[in-house]
Amino acid sequence: MGTAARELTDDMVLDHCAPPPTRNSAHTVTIPGRHVADVARHPDGRLAVITWSSPKIDPGLLNPALHVVETDGTVVDLGATPVDAGNPVWWGDEVVYLALTPPHVQGGNAVFDQRHRNLTAGMPACPVELVQDDGDAPVVVVATGLDTEFHRLGGGLLARIKGSHKRRNDFIEDIPWGTQERLRYRAQDGLELDGLLVLPPGKTRDDGPFPLITLVHGGPYDRWADDLQLQWVPSAQWFAHQGFASFLPNPRGSLGRGHEFAASVSKRVGQEEWHDIETGIDLLVEEGVADPGRLGISGWSHGGFMAAWATTRTDRFKAALVGAGIADWPRLIATGEWGTFEAALGDGPEHSPLTYADRIRTPLLIVHGADDTNVPVEQAELLHGAVKHSELVVYPGEGHSLRKREHRLDLLNRARRFFAKL
């Protein structure tokens, strides 16, 4: 591995679940009886404050509220907000913030004003961040399909980032990256979907069929954007250098297509979203890109769940990597720190890979952090215990994401060896 690639590996950080709201340590503020979660300062010194009912994710995120602290210390209570509120910013003398679109917990973000009205209702994309501009309206960062846009709140489009993987490639000019292609296709019910295809360096579709690894993102309210697909998890560019093609689908439930698209997986985890993924695989096989006899699947967090779930639906995969994945939804709801959010996806054993473990014929590589509080390591142990043809690797001192460089490199190399059997 060259020096440039080594430095990039050191910098690769990708969390596959939403973090708790960012605490703004620059402001010391106390709201009696509440837990301060996020703060924004007005130019005149006033503070907009998002609070939780508890420092714990459940029920903290479920019971947020908005406050304004005047310059004399007076606290004005602006009332309860929708679930998972955060990222407050000032718009003149008004406060706006991000929160989940009611009434769903699995429904995607929207922008709300201080009277808790949805300012982005019906948007066919997803706001992901607000940026305060003291001289003008806030800037809204919006995920739209595979791209990212910047809008002035209440105004128009400022800029769009499209095909950013090409710009990132310039930073490491001595590495030949795999060819990345944007995909658009339709689900079985006609719903329009998107995703990415990454081929080995120097190869085109005409060089196929290739061994294909399907990479499922986490969330499920997350997405694959059109940027350089090189992360510490076994990723498309990593696999490209091993001679594999990678398919990166954005099935229903993903970020970037609006509220209804995100909410469509509520109580239906692993159902239509799996068919969306398999339809994309079928298309790549039909087009001669993917070798139907050399298919693998991999994912982390919700993607790890989908990798395990896929092996209970079909025997077509020759290898599956299950990273920090869910095996038993009811058990996760009871023991994980995001119980209410997980229950919004699926709350019964019929959604659990463990229920159908006797169907699994695919060899599994199951990897997990020993100190994971999002998806406790018990989930990996349950799946490993139920599937004899599986290998379990637990990384000590790691949470839901691997942070230590030696563990990341170990995971990448294990994945390389594991999928070499395709």
Protein backbone atom coordinates (compact mmCIF):
# COMPACT_ATOMS: atom_id res chain seq x y z
CA MET A 1 0.00 0.00 0.00
CA GLY A 2 1.44 3.37 -1.03
CA THR A 3 1.91 6.28 1.36
CA ALA A 4 -1.05 8.22 -0.08
CA ALA A 5 -3.37 5.24 0.27
CA ARG A 6 -2.12 4.57 3.79
CA GLU A 7 -2.86 8.16 4.82
CA LEU A 8 -6.31 7.94 3.30
CA THR A 9 -6.99 4.70 5.17
CA ASP A 10 -6.09 6.48 8.41
CA ASP A 11 -8.67 9.17 7.64
CA MET A 12 -11.55 6.92 6.60
CA VAL A 13 -14.39 7.30 9.09
CA LEU A 14 -17.93 6.20 8.26
CA ASP A 15 -20.65 5.74 10.87
CA HIS A 16 -23.61 3.75 9.66
CA CYS A 17 -26.20 5.10 12.04
CA ALA A 18 -27.36 8.58 12.97
CA PRO A 19 -25.34 9.99 15.87
CA PRO A 20 -26.95 11.73 18.83
CA PRO A 21 -27.37 15.49 18.32
CA THR A 22 -24.11 17.39 18.41
CA ARG A 23 -23.50 19.17 21.70
CA ASN A 24 -22.23 22.69 21.07
CA SER A 25 -19.65 22.98 23.83
CA ALA A 26 -18.96 26.62 22.97
CA HIS A 27 -22.10 27.64 24.92
CA THR A 28 -22.70 26.93 28.60
CA VAL A 29 -26.44 26.95 29.16
CA THR A 30 -28.77 25.17 31.55
CA ILE A 31 -32.48 24.54 31.09
CA PRO A 32 -33.99 23.36 34.40
CA GLY A 33 -35.25 19.79 34.24
CA ARG A 34 -33.99 19.28 30.69
CA HIS A 35 -30.86 17.88 29.02
CA VAL A 36 -29.24 20.36 26.62
CA ALA A 37 -28.56 18.70 23.27
CA ASP A 38 -27.86 21.43 20.69
CA VAL A 39 -27.34 25.19 20.78
CA ALA A 40 -27.16 28.02 18.19
CA ARG A 41 -26.17 31.64 18.95
CA HIS A 42 -27.86 34.69 17.44
CA PRO A 43 -25.49 37.58 16.56
CA ASP A 44 -27.05 39.59 19.43
CA GLY A 45 -26.22 36.87 21.95
CA ARG A 46 -29.55 35.04 22.23
CA LEU A 47 -29.42 31.26 22.21
CA ALA A 48 -31.66 28.75 20.47
CA VAL A 49 -31.57 25.53 22.47
CA ILE A 50 -32.82 22.02 21.68
CA THR A 51 -33.25 19.91 24.82
CA TRP A 52 -34.04 16.29 25.56
CA SER A 53 -36.17 14.91 28.37
CA SER A 54 -33.27 12.58 29.27
CA PRO A 55 -29.61 12.17 28.30
CA LYS A 56 -30.49 8.69 26.99
CA ILE A 57 -31.38 8.31 23.31
CA ASP A 58 -34.58 6.53 24.31
CA PRO A 59 -36.47 8.56 25.52
CA GLY A 60 -34.34 11.68 24.94
CA LEU A 61 -34.80 11.88 21.18
CA LEU A 62 -38.49 11.07 21.52
CA ASN A 63 -39.25 14.07 23.73
CA PRO A 64 -37.22 17.06 22.51
CA ALA A 65 -38.22 20.68 22.98
CA LEU A 66 -37.15 24.11 21.73
CA HIS A 67 -36.18 27.08 23.90
CA VAL A 68 -34.77 30.57 23.45
CA VAL A 69 -32.47 31.98 26.12
CA GLU A 70 -32.57 35.78 26.10
CA THR A 71 -29.45 37.86 26.72
CA ASP A 72 -30.56 38.45 30.31
CA GLY A 73 -30.85 34.70 30.93
CA THR A 74 -34.65 34.50 30.64
CA VAL A 75 -35.72 31.14 29.17
CA VAL A 76 -38.61 31.18 26.69
CA ASP A 77 -40.16 27.73 26.21
CA LEU A 78 -41.28 27.31 22.59
CA GLY A 79 -42.74 23.87 23.23
CA ALA A 80 -42.28 20.29 22.20
CA THR A 81 -40.82 19.54 18.77
CA PRO A 82 -41.18 16.52 16.52
CA VAL A 83 -38.95 13.53 17.30
CA ASP A 84 -35.17 13.72 16.84
CA ALA A 85 -34.99 17.50 16.68
CA GLY A 86 -31.59 19.13 16.28
CA ASN A 87 -29.41 21.48 14.24
CA PRO A 88 -31.15 24.73 15.29
CA VAL A 89 -30.18 27.90 13.40
CA TRP A 90 -31.37 31.50 13.42
CA TRP A 91 -33.26 33.06 10.52
CA GLY A 92 -33.43 36.70 11.49
CA ASP A 93 -35.32 36.67 14.80
CA GLU A 94 -36.82 33.21 14.14
CA VAL A 95 -35.44 29.75 14.88
CA VAL A 96 -35.60 26.84 12.45
CA TYR A 97 -34.40 23.29 13.03
CA LEU A 98 -34.36 19.75 11.63
CA ALA A 99 -36.51 16.90 12.94
CA LEU A 100 -38.19 13.71 11.73
CA THR A 101 -41.35 14.20 9.68
CA PRO A 102 -44.43 13.33 11.77
CA PRO A 103 -46.08 11.00 12.42
CA HIS A 104 -43.41 8.44 11.51
CA VAL A 105 -40.23 7.74 13.44
CA GLN A 106 -38.94 6.21 10.19
CA GLY A 107 -39.88 9.04 7.88
CA GLY A 108 -36.95 11.24 7.02
CA ASN A 109 -35.96 14.76 8.04
CA ALA A 110 -37.80 18.01 7.42
CA VAL A 111 -37.13 21.66 8.30
CA PHE A 112 -39.42 23.17 10.95
CA ASP A 113 -39.93 26.73 12.16
CA GLN A 114 -40.22 27.71 15.82
CA ARG A 115 -43.99 27.18 15.68
CA HIS A 116 -43.16 23.61 14.63
CA ARG A 117 -44.56 23.93 11.12
CA ASN A 118 -43.00 21.80 8.39
CA LEU A 119 -41.35 24.17 5.90
CA THR A 120 -40.26 21.42 3.48
CA ALA A 121 -43.41 19.28 3.29
CA GLY A 122 -43.70 17.50 -0.04
CA MET A 123 -40.04 18.01 -0.96
CA PRO A 124 -38.97 15.08 -3.21
CA ALA A 125 -35.53 15.17 -1.57
CA CYS A 126 -34.24 15.23 2.02
CA PRO A 127 -32.77 18.11 4.02
CA VAL A 128 -29.75 16.86 5.96
CA GLU A 129 -28.19 19.98 7.48
CA LEU A 130 -28.90 23.63 8.22
CA VAL A 131 -26.12 26.23 8.10
CA GLN A 132 -26.67 29.58 9.78
CA ASP A 133 -25.84 32.70 7.75
CA ASP A 134 -26.13 35.74 9.99
CA GLY A 135 -26.54 38.03 7.01
CA ASP A 136 -29.14 36.06 5.11
CA ALA A 137 -31.51 33.09 5.27
CA PRO A 138 -29.97 29.79 6.38
CA VAL A 139 -28.50 27.40 3.83
CA VAL A 140 -30.13 23.97 3.62
CA VAL A 141 -27.97 21.03 2.57
CA VAL A 142 -30.24 18.63 0.67
CA ALA A 143 -29.71 15.02 -0.38
CA THR A 144 -31.38 14.54 -3.74
CA GLY A 145 -30.93 11.13 -5.28
CA LEU A 146 -27.21 10.50 -5.76
CA ASP A 147 -26.37 14.20 -5.54
CA THR A 148 -26.16 16.94 -2.91
CA GLU A 149 -27.64 20.41 -3.30
CA PHE A 150 -27.37 23.67 -1.36
CA HIS A 151 -30.51 25.81 -1.12
CA ARG A 152 -31.22 29.13 0.50
CA LEU A 153 -34.14 28.49 2.88
CA GLY A 154 -37.15 30.21 1.37
CA GLY A 155 -35.13 30.87 -1.79
CA GLY A 156 -33.55 28.96 -4.64
CA LEU A 157 -30.78 26.55 -5.51
CA LEU A 158 -27.26 27.78 -4.75
CA ALA A 159 -25.16 24.85 -5.95
CA ARG A 160 -25.19 21.14 -6.70
CA ILE A 161 -22.47 18.55 -6.13
CA LYS A 162 -22.68 15.85 -8.79
CA GLY A 163 -20.15 13.16 -9.52
CA SER A 164 -17.89 14.20 -6.65
CA HIS A 165 -15.97 10.91 -6.85
CA LYS A 166 -14.14 12.35 -9.85
CA ARG A 167 -12.91 15.33 -7.87
CA ARG A 168 -11.79 13.19 -4.94
CA ASN A 169 -9.83 10.97 -7.30
CA ASP A 170 -7.51 13.88 -8.05
CA PHE A 171 -6.17 13.82 -4.48
CA ILE A 172 -4.44 10.48 -5.02
CA GLU A 173 -3.33 10.55 -8.61
CA ASP A 174 -1.07 7.49 -8.45
CA ILE A 175 -3.94 5.06 -7.71
CA PRO A 176 -6.03 3.75 -10.63
CA TRP A 177 -9.62 3.86 -9.34
CA GLY A 178 -12.41 1.61 -10.49
CA THR A 179 -14.86 3.04 -13.00
CA GLN A 180 -17.98 4.36 -11.25
CA GLU A 181 -21.35 4.51 -13.00
CA ARG A 182 -24.71 5.93 -11.93
CA LEU A 183 -27.67 3.54 -12.20
CA ARG A 184 -31.38 4.17 -12.57
CA TYR A 185 -33.89 1.35 -12.68
CA ARG A 186 -37.44 0.49 -11.62
CA ALA A 187 -38.62 -1.76 -8.84
CA GLN A 188 -41.09 -4.58 -9.35
CA ASP A 189 -43.97 -2.17 -8.61
CA GLY A 190 -42.59 0.51 -10.94
CA LEU A 191 -41.00 2.72 -8.28
CA GLU A 192 -37.96 4.57 -9.66
CA LEU A 193 -34.70 3.67 -7.89
CA ASP A 194 -31.06 4.64 -8.18
CA GLY A 195 -27.66 3.29 -7.21
CA LEU A 196 -24.06 2.93 -8.29
CA LEU A 197 -21.96 0.37 -10.14
CA VAL A 198 -18.20 0.25 -9.62
CA LEU A 199 -16.03 -1.87 -11.94
CA PRO A 200 -12.38 -2.94 -11.52
CA PRO A 201 -9.80 -0.35 -12.63
CA GLY A 202 -9.37 -0.16 -16.38
CA LYS A 203 -12.44 -2.33 -17.05
CA THR A 204 -15.71 -1.58 -18.82
CA ARG A 205 -19.03 -3.40 -19.01
CA ASP A 206 -17.77 -5.10 -22.17
CA ASP A 207 -15.18 -6.94 -20.04
CA GLY A 208 -17.93 -8.64 -18.01
CA PRO A 209 -19.42 -10.64 -16.58
CA PHE A 210 -17.64 -9.89 -13.28
CA PRO A 211 -17.95 -11.42 -9.85
CA LEU A 212 -20.35 -8.96 -8.17
CA ILE A 213 -20.59 -7.92 -4.52
CA THR A 214 -23.75 -6.06 -3.51
CA LEU A 215 -23.04 -3.45 -0.82
CA VAL A 216 -26.05 -2.46 1.28
CA HIS A 217 -25.87 0.84 3.18
CA GLY A 218 -26.93 1.34 6.78
CA GLY A 219 -29.80 3.29 8.19
CA PRO A 220 -31.97 2.36 6.36
CA TYR A 221 -32.28 6.17 6.20
CA ASP A 222 -28.91 6.64 4.57
CA ARG A 223 -27.76 6.46 0.96
CA TRP A 224 -24.95 5.86 -1.46
CA ALA A 225 -24.06 9.23 -2.99
CA ASP A 226 -21.98 9.64 -6.13
CA ASP A 227 -18.69 10.14 -4.31
CA LEU A 228 -15.53 8.06 -4.00
CA GLN A 229 -16.61 4.73 -2.55
CA LEU A 230 -13.62 4.07 -0.32
CA GLN A 231 -14.38 3.57 3.36
CA TRP A 232 -12.98 1.54 6.25
CA VAL A 233 -15.76 -0.97 5.78
CA PRO A 234 -15.10 -3.26 2.81
CA SER A 235 -16.12 -0.85 0.08
CA ALA A 236 -16.56 -0.68 -3.66
CA GLN A 237 -13.13 0.74 -4.52
CA TRP A 238 -11.46 -1.74 -2.15
CA PHE A 239 -13.22 -4.61 -3.91
CA ALA A 240 -12.52 -3.08 -7.33
CA HIS A 241 -8.81 -3.55 -6.66
CA GLN A 242 -9.49 -7.22 -5.91
CA GLY A 243 -11.11 -7.65 -9.35
CA PHE A 244 -14.74 -7.44 -8.20
CA ALA A 245 -17.57 -5.29 -9.46
CA SER A 246 -19.80 -3.74 -6.78
CA PHE A 247 -23.49 -2.83 -6.86
CA LEU A 248 -24.56 -0.11 -4.42
CA PRO A 249 -28.37 0.15 -4.36
CA ASN A 250 -30.54 2.81 -2.75
CA PRO A 251 -33.73 0.84 -2.03
CA ARG A 252 -36.91 2.33 -0.60
CA GLY A 253 -36.33 3.62 2.92
CA SER A 254 -33.16 5.41 1.81
CA LEU A 255 -32.23 9.06 2.19
CA GLY A 256 -32.63 11.40 -0.76
CA ARG A 257 -36.07 10.73 -2.21
CA GLY A 258 -38.41 12.46 0.24
CA HIS A 259 -40.65 11.56 3.15
CA GLU A 260 -42.93 8.95 1.57
CA PHE A 261 -39.99 7.04 0.10
CA ALA A 262 -38.29 6.95 3.51
CA ALA A 263 -41.46 6.01 5.41
CA SER A 264 -42.37 3.15 3.07
CA VAL A 265 -40.30 0.62 5.04
CA SER A 266 -42.05 1.34 8.34
CA LYS A 267 -43.07 -2.02 9.86
CA ARG A 268 -41.92 -3.66 6.61
CA VAL A 269 -38.19 -4.00 7.12
CA GLY A 270 -36.61 -6.42 4.66
CA GLN A 271 -39.70 -6.68 2.48
CA GLU A 272 -39.97 -4.43 -0.58
CA GLU A 273 -36.49 -3.05 0.08
CA TRP A 274 -35.05 -6.54 -0.46
CA HIS A 275 -36.97 -6.88 -3.73
CA ASP A 276 -35.59 -3.48 -4.79
CA ILE A 277 -32.06 -4.77 -4.23
CA GLU A 278 -32.61 -8.11 -5.93
CA THR A 279 -34.21 -6.42 -8.95
CA GLY A 280 -31.02 -4.41 -9.43
CA ILE A 281 -28.89 -7.56 -9.21
CA ASP A 282 -31.11 -9.29 -11.77
CA LEU A 283 -30.73 -6.33 -14.12
CA LEU A 284 -26.92 -6.46 -13.90
CA VAL A 285 -26.97 -10.20 -14.57
CA GLU A 286 -29.27 -9.73 -17.58
CA GLU A 287 -26.99 -7.01 -18.96
CA GLY A 288 -23.95 -9.27 -18.76
CA VAL A 289 -22.22 -7.20 -16.06
CA ALA A 290 -22.61 -9.71 -13.21
CA ASP A 291 -21.75 -13.39 -13.23
CA PRO A 292 -24.80 -15.13 -11.70
CA GLY A 293 -22.59 -17.88 -10.31
CA ARG A 294 -20.24 -15.46 -8.49
CA LEU A 295 -22.41 -13.21 -6.33
CA GLY A 296 -21.67 -11.92 -2.83
CA ILE A 297 -23.33 -9.46 -0.46
CA SER A 298 -21.97 -7.25 2.32
CA GLY A 299 -23.20 -4.52 4.65
CA TRP A 300 -22.79 -2.80 8.00
CA SER A 301 -25.48 -2.07 10.62
CA HIS A 302 -28.80 -2.10 8.73
CA GLY A 303 -26.74 -3.23 5.74
CA GLY A 304 -25.46 -6.10 7.87
CA PHE A 305 -29.04 -7.04 8.66
CA MET A 306 -29.91 -6.97 4.96
CA ALA A 307 -26.91 -9.17 4.11
CA ALA A 308 -28.07 -11.76 6.64
CA TRP A 309 -31.71 -11.37 5.58
CA ALA A 310 -30.81 -11.86 1.92
CA THR A 311 -29.33 -15.28 2.69
CA THR A 312 -32.69 -16.33 4.19
CA ARG A 313 -34.46 -15.29 0.98
CA THR A 314 -32.17 -16.90 -1.61
CA ASP A 315 -29.21 -19.25 -2.05
CA ARG A 316 -27.76 -17.25 -4.95
CA PHE A 317 -25.01 -15.62 -2.85
CA LYS A 318 -21.77 -17.56 -2.45
CA ALA A 319 -20.57 -15.42 0.50
CA ALA A 320 -22.11 -12.82 2.82
CA LEU A 321 -20.40 -10.39 5.20
CA VAL A 322 -22.63 -9.36 8.11
CA GLY A 323 -21.13 -6.30 9.83
CA ALA A 324 -22.71 -5.10 13.12
CA GLY A 325 -25.99 -6.50 11.82
CA ILE A 326 -29.35 -7.32 13.37
CA ALA A 327 -30.31 -10.98 13.74
CA ASP A 328 -33.29 -10.68 16.11
CA TRP A 329 -35.42 -7.50 15.98
CA PRO A 330 -37.44 -8.11 19.19
CA ARG A 331 -34.22 -8.73 21.12
CA LEU A 332 -32.61 -5.61 19.63
CA ILE A 333 -35.62 -3.50 20.60
CA ALA A 334 -35.27 -4.77 24.17
CA THR A 335 -31.49 -4.35 24.52
CA GLY A 336 -30.30 -1.70 22.04
CA GLU A 337 -30.18 2.04 22.74
CA TRP A 338 -32.47 2.92 19.80
CA GLY A 339 -35.38 0.64 20.75
CA THR A 340 -38.27 2.84 19.65
CA PHE A 341 -36.60 3.59 16.32
CA GLU A 342 -35.92 -0.09 15.69
CA ALA A 343 -39.52 -0.97 16.59
CA ALA A 344 -40.69 1.44 13.89
CA LEU A 345 -39.01 -0.79 11.31
CA GLY A 346 -39.99 -4.24 12.51
CA ASP A 347 -41.09 -5.52 15.90
CA GLY A 348 -41.78 -9.20 15.29
CA PRO A 349 -39.76 -12.38 14.75
CA GLU A 350 -41.05 -12.59 11.18
CA HIS A 351 -38.60 -9.79 10.32
CA SER A 352 -35.58 -11.50 11.91
CA PRO A 353 -32.90 -13.50 10.05
CA LEU A 354 -32.62 -15.70 13.16
CA THR A 355 -36.18 -16.96 12.61
CA TYR A 356 -35.16 -18.38 9.23
CA ALA A 357 -31.57 -19.37 10.05
CA ASP A 358 -32.25 -22.98 9.02
CA ARG A 359 -32.64 -21.71 5.43
CA ILE A 360 -29.17 -20.17 5.27
CA ARG A 361 -26.79 -22.08 2.99
CA THR A 362 -24.45 -19.16 2.29
CA PRO A 363 -21.15 -19.00 4.23
CA LEU A 364 -21.23 -16.01 6.59
CA LEU A 365 -18.44 -13.78 7.90
CA ILE A 366 -19.97 -12.10 10.96
CA VAL A 367 -18.03 -9.15 12.41
CA HIS A 368 -18.94 -6.93 15.36
CA GLY A 369 -17.56 -4.50 17.94
CA ALA A 370 -17.47 -5.92 21.46
CA ASP A 371 -18.72 -2.65 23.01
CA ASP A 372 -21.46 -1.86 20.49
CA THR A 373 -24.44 -0.27 22.28
CA ASN A 374 -26.41 0.47 19.11
CA VAL A 375 -26.55 -3.18 18.00
CA PRO A 376 -25.21 -5.25 20.94
CA VAL A 377 -22.71 -7.99 20.10
CA GLU A 378 -25.29 -10.51 21.31
CA GLN A 379 -26.89 -10.14 17.87
CA ALA A 380 -23.75 -11.49 16.18
CA GLU A 381 -23.44 -14.30 18.72
CA LEU A 382 -27.05 -15.39 18.14
CA LEU A 383 -26.58 -15.54 14.37
CA HIS A 384 -23.26 -17.36 14.64
CA GLY A 385 -24.77 -19.90 17.02
CA ALA A 386 -27.61 -20.59 14.59
CA VAL A 387 -25.49 -20.91 11.42
CA LYS A 388 -22.76 -23.56 11.58
CA HIS A 389 -21.07 -22.44 8.37
CA SER A 390 -20.25 -19.01 9.79
CA GLU A 391 -17.17 -17.30 11.21
CA LEU A 392 -17.49 -14.77 14.03
CA VAL A 393 -14.92 -12.02 14.61
CA VAL A 394 -15.41 -9.67 17.58
CA TYR A 395 -13.17 -6.61 17.85
CA PRO A 396 -12.34 -5.68 21.47
CA GLY A 397 -12.88 -2.09 22.56
CA GLU A 398 -14.90 -1.20 19.46
CA GLY A 399 -18.42 0.20 19.29
CA HIS A 400 -20.80 0.32 16.34
CA SER A 401 -17.99 1.59 14.12
CA LEU A 402 -14.41 0.38 14.13
CA ARG A 403 -12.02 3.17 15.16
CA LYS A 404 -8.67 1.47 15.54
CA ARG A 405 -6.58 1.35 12.39
CA GLU A 406 -5.37 -2.20 13.02
CA HIS A 407 -8.97 -3.41 13.29
CA ARG A 408 -9.99 -1.66 10.09
CA LEU A 409 -7.10 -3.19 8.19
CA ASP A 410 -7.87 -6.60 9.67
CA LEU A 411 -11.49 -6.29 8.51
CA LEU A 412 -10.50 -5.21 5.00
CA ASN A 413 -8.06 -8.08 4.62
CA ARG A 414 -10.49 -10.64 6.07
CA ALA A 415 -13.09 -9.48 3.58
CA ARG A 416 -10.59 -9.77 0.73
CA ARG A 417 -9.77 -13.36 1.67
CA PHE A 418 -13.41 -14.25 2.36
CA PHE A 419 -14.76 -13.06 -0.97
CA ALA A 420 -11.83 -14.56 -2.90
CA LYS A 421 -13.91 -17.76 -2.98
CA LEU A 422 -16.42 -16.17 -5.39
